[in-house]
Structure formats: C-alpha cells, structure tokens
Amino acid sequence: MFTILPIDPEVIDQAKKHNLSKKFQKCCDLIVTNIVHPSLNVELMKPKQLEIYSFRIDRKYRALFLYQDNKQAIEIVAITVHYH
C-alpha cells in the first residue's frame, strides 16, 4: 500500500477546472490499494533519469507524480493533457 502526500491546492484546482474531481479521487483511491492496477497505466516519463511517473485519469488527462519516502509514498505534482 502507498500513501499519497498532501495534494497541492493547484493540482486540486486543475482537476476541478477540467471536471475531473471524481475521476481523480477514484484514481487516488485506487493507487493507495493497487498502484499497478491496469486502469491506472502507470508510466515512467522521459527523460527517465528525472524519475517522474504518470497515471491515467481518463483518455485525455494524466497525473504526474514522484515517489517519496523510499517508494512508500507518492507526491502528485500536476495534471496534464495526454495525447496518444
């Protein structure tokens, strides 16, 4: 299980701005119990040495996060548009 560190109000505002609050909360709940769940589609972003990861909120949006505390916690830093 993971802990999600307190989420910056700007990230919460991004979720609200794009009408993602419920989807974002559902993903956060899922990460806490199963970070490798297929619907999250967790990916290591490039350049890989920065160790920034993302998870899918929906087909258009992803959240960026960093592992903290020896990979026992994550810090969600932004919500971005993801194009395939």
Protein backbone atom coordinates (compact mmCIF):
# COMPACT_ATOMS: atom_id res chain seq x y z
CA MET A 1 0.00 0.00 0.00
CA PHE A 2 1.05 3.55 -0.72
CA THR A 3 0.45 6.86 0.96
CA ILE A 4 -0.42 9.93 -1.07
CA LEU A 5 1.24 13.02 0.36
CA PRO A 6 -0.98 16.09 0.78
CA ILE A 7 -2.01 17.29 -2.67
CA ASP A 8 -1.12 20.85 -3.65
CA PRO A 9 -4.25 23.03 -3.99
CA GLU A 10 -3.15 23.91 -7.55
CA VAL A 11 -3.46 20.25 -8.54
CA ILE A 12 -6.92 20.07 -6.99
CA ASP A 13 -7.84 23.25 -8.89
CA GLN A 14 -6.61 21.65 -12.14
CA ALA A 15 -8.86 18.66 -11.51
CA LYS A 16 -11.84 20.93 -10.84
CA LYS A 17 -11.09 23.11 -13.88
CA HIS A 18 -11.24 20.08 -16.18
CA ASN A 19 -14.21 18.45 -14.40
CA LEU A 20 -12.01 15.58 -13.22
CA SER A 21 -12.58 15.73 -9.48
CA LYS A 22 -14.49 12.43 -9.19
CA LYS A 23 -12.24 10.57 -11.64
CA PHE A 24 -9.12 11.96 -9.95
CA GLN A 25 -10.35 10.90 -6.50
CA LYS A 26 -11.18 7.43 -7.79
CA CYS A 27 -7.66 7.08 -9.20
CA CYS A 28 -6.12 8.29 -5.94
CA ASP A 29 -8.16 5.72 -4.01
CA LEU A 30 -7.01 3.02 -6.41
CA ILE A 31 -3.34 3.99 -6.15
CA VAL A 32 -3.41 3.62 -2.39
CA THR A 33 -4.58 0.00 -2.69
CA ASN A 34 -3.08 -1.12 -6.02
CA ILE A 35 -0.64 1.17 -7.87
CA VAL A 36 -0.16 -1.44 -10.61
CA HIS A 37 -3.87 -1.64 -11.45
CA PRO A 38 -4.17 -1.81 -15.27
CA SER A 39 -6.64 1.09 -15.49
CA LEU A 40 -4.04 3.46 -14.00
CA ASN A 41 -1.50 2.64 -16.71
CA VAL A 42 1.42 3.94 -14.62
CA GLU A 43 4.35 5.01 -16.81
CA LEU A 44 7.86 6.33 -16.24
CA MET A 45 8.14 9.56 -18.21
CA LYS A 46 11.10 10.62 -20.35
CA PRO A 47 13.78 11.59 -19.59
CA LYS A 48 13.77 8.58 -17.29
CA GLN A 49 16.55 9.86 -15.04
CA LEU A 50 14.15 12.51 -13.66
CA GLU A 51 12.02 9.68 -12.23
CA ILE A 52 8.70 11.38 -12.96
CA TYR A 53 5.79 8.97 -13.34
CA SER A 54 2.27 9.38 -14.61
CA PHE A 55 -1.06 7.63 -14.16
CA ARG A 56 -4.16 7.80 -16.33
CA ILE A 57 -7.14 9.78 -15.07
CA ASP A 58 -9.05 9.31 -18.31
CA ARG A 59 -8.24 9.07 -22.02
CA LYS A 60 -7.25 12.73 -22.22
CA TYR A 61 -5.67 13.52 -18.83
CA ARG A 62 -2.84 12.10 -16.76
CA ALA A 63 -1.46 13.00 -13.35
CA LEU A 64 2.27 13.32 -12.81
CA PHE A 65 3.82 12.06 -9.59
CA LEU A 66 7.09 11.36 -7.81
CA TYR A 67 7.87 8.55 -5.43
CA GLN A 68 8.89 9.71 -1.94
CA ASP A 69 9.98 8.02 1.31
CA ASN A 70 11.74 5.04 -0.34
CA LYS A 71 8.77 4.45 -2.64
CA GLN A 72 6.33 4.19 0.27
CA ALA A 73 4.55 7.41 -0.69
CA ILE A 74 3.80 9.41 -3.81
CA GLU A 75 3.57 13.14 -4.38
CA ILE A 76 1.16 14.17 -7.14
CA VAL A 77 2.61 17.28 -8.77
CA ALA A 78 0.40 18.09 -11.79
CA ILE A 79 -2.43 17.11 -14.09
CA THR A 80 -1.57 17.25 -17.79
CA VAL A 81 -3.14 16.60 -21.17
CA HIS A 82 -2.04 13.31 -22.67
CA TYR A 83 -2.29 12.73 -26.41
CA HIS A 84 -1.83 9.28 -27.92
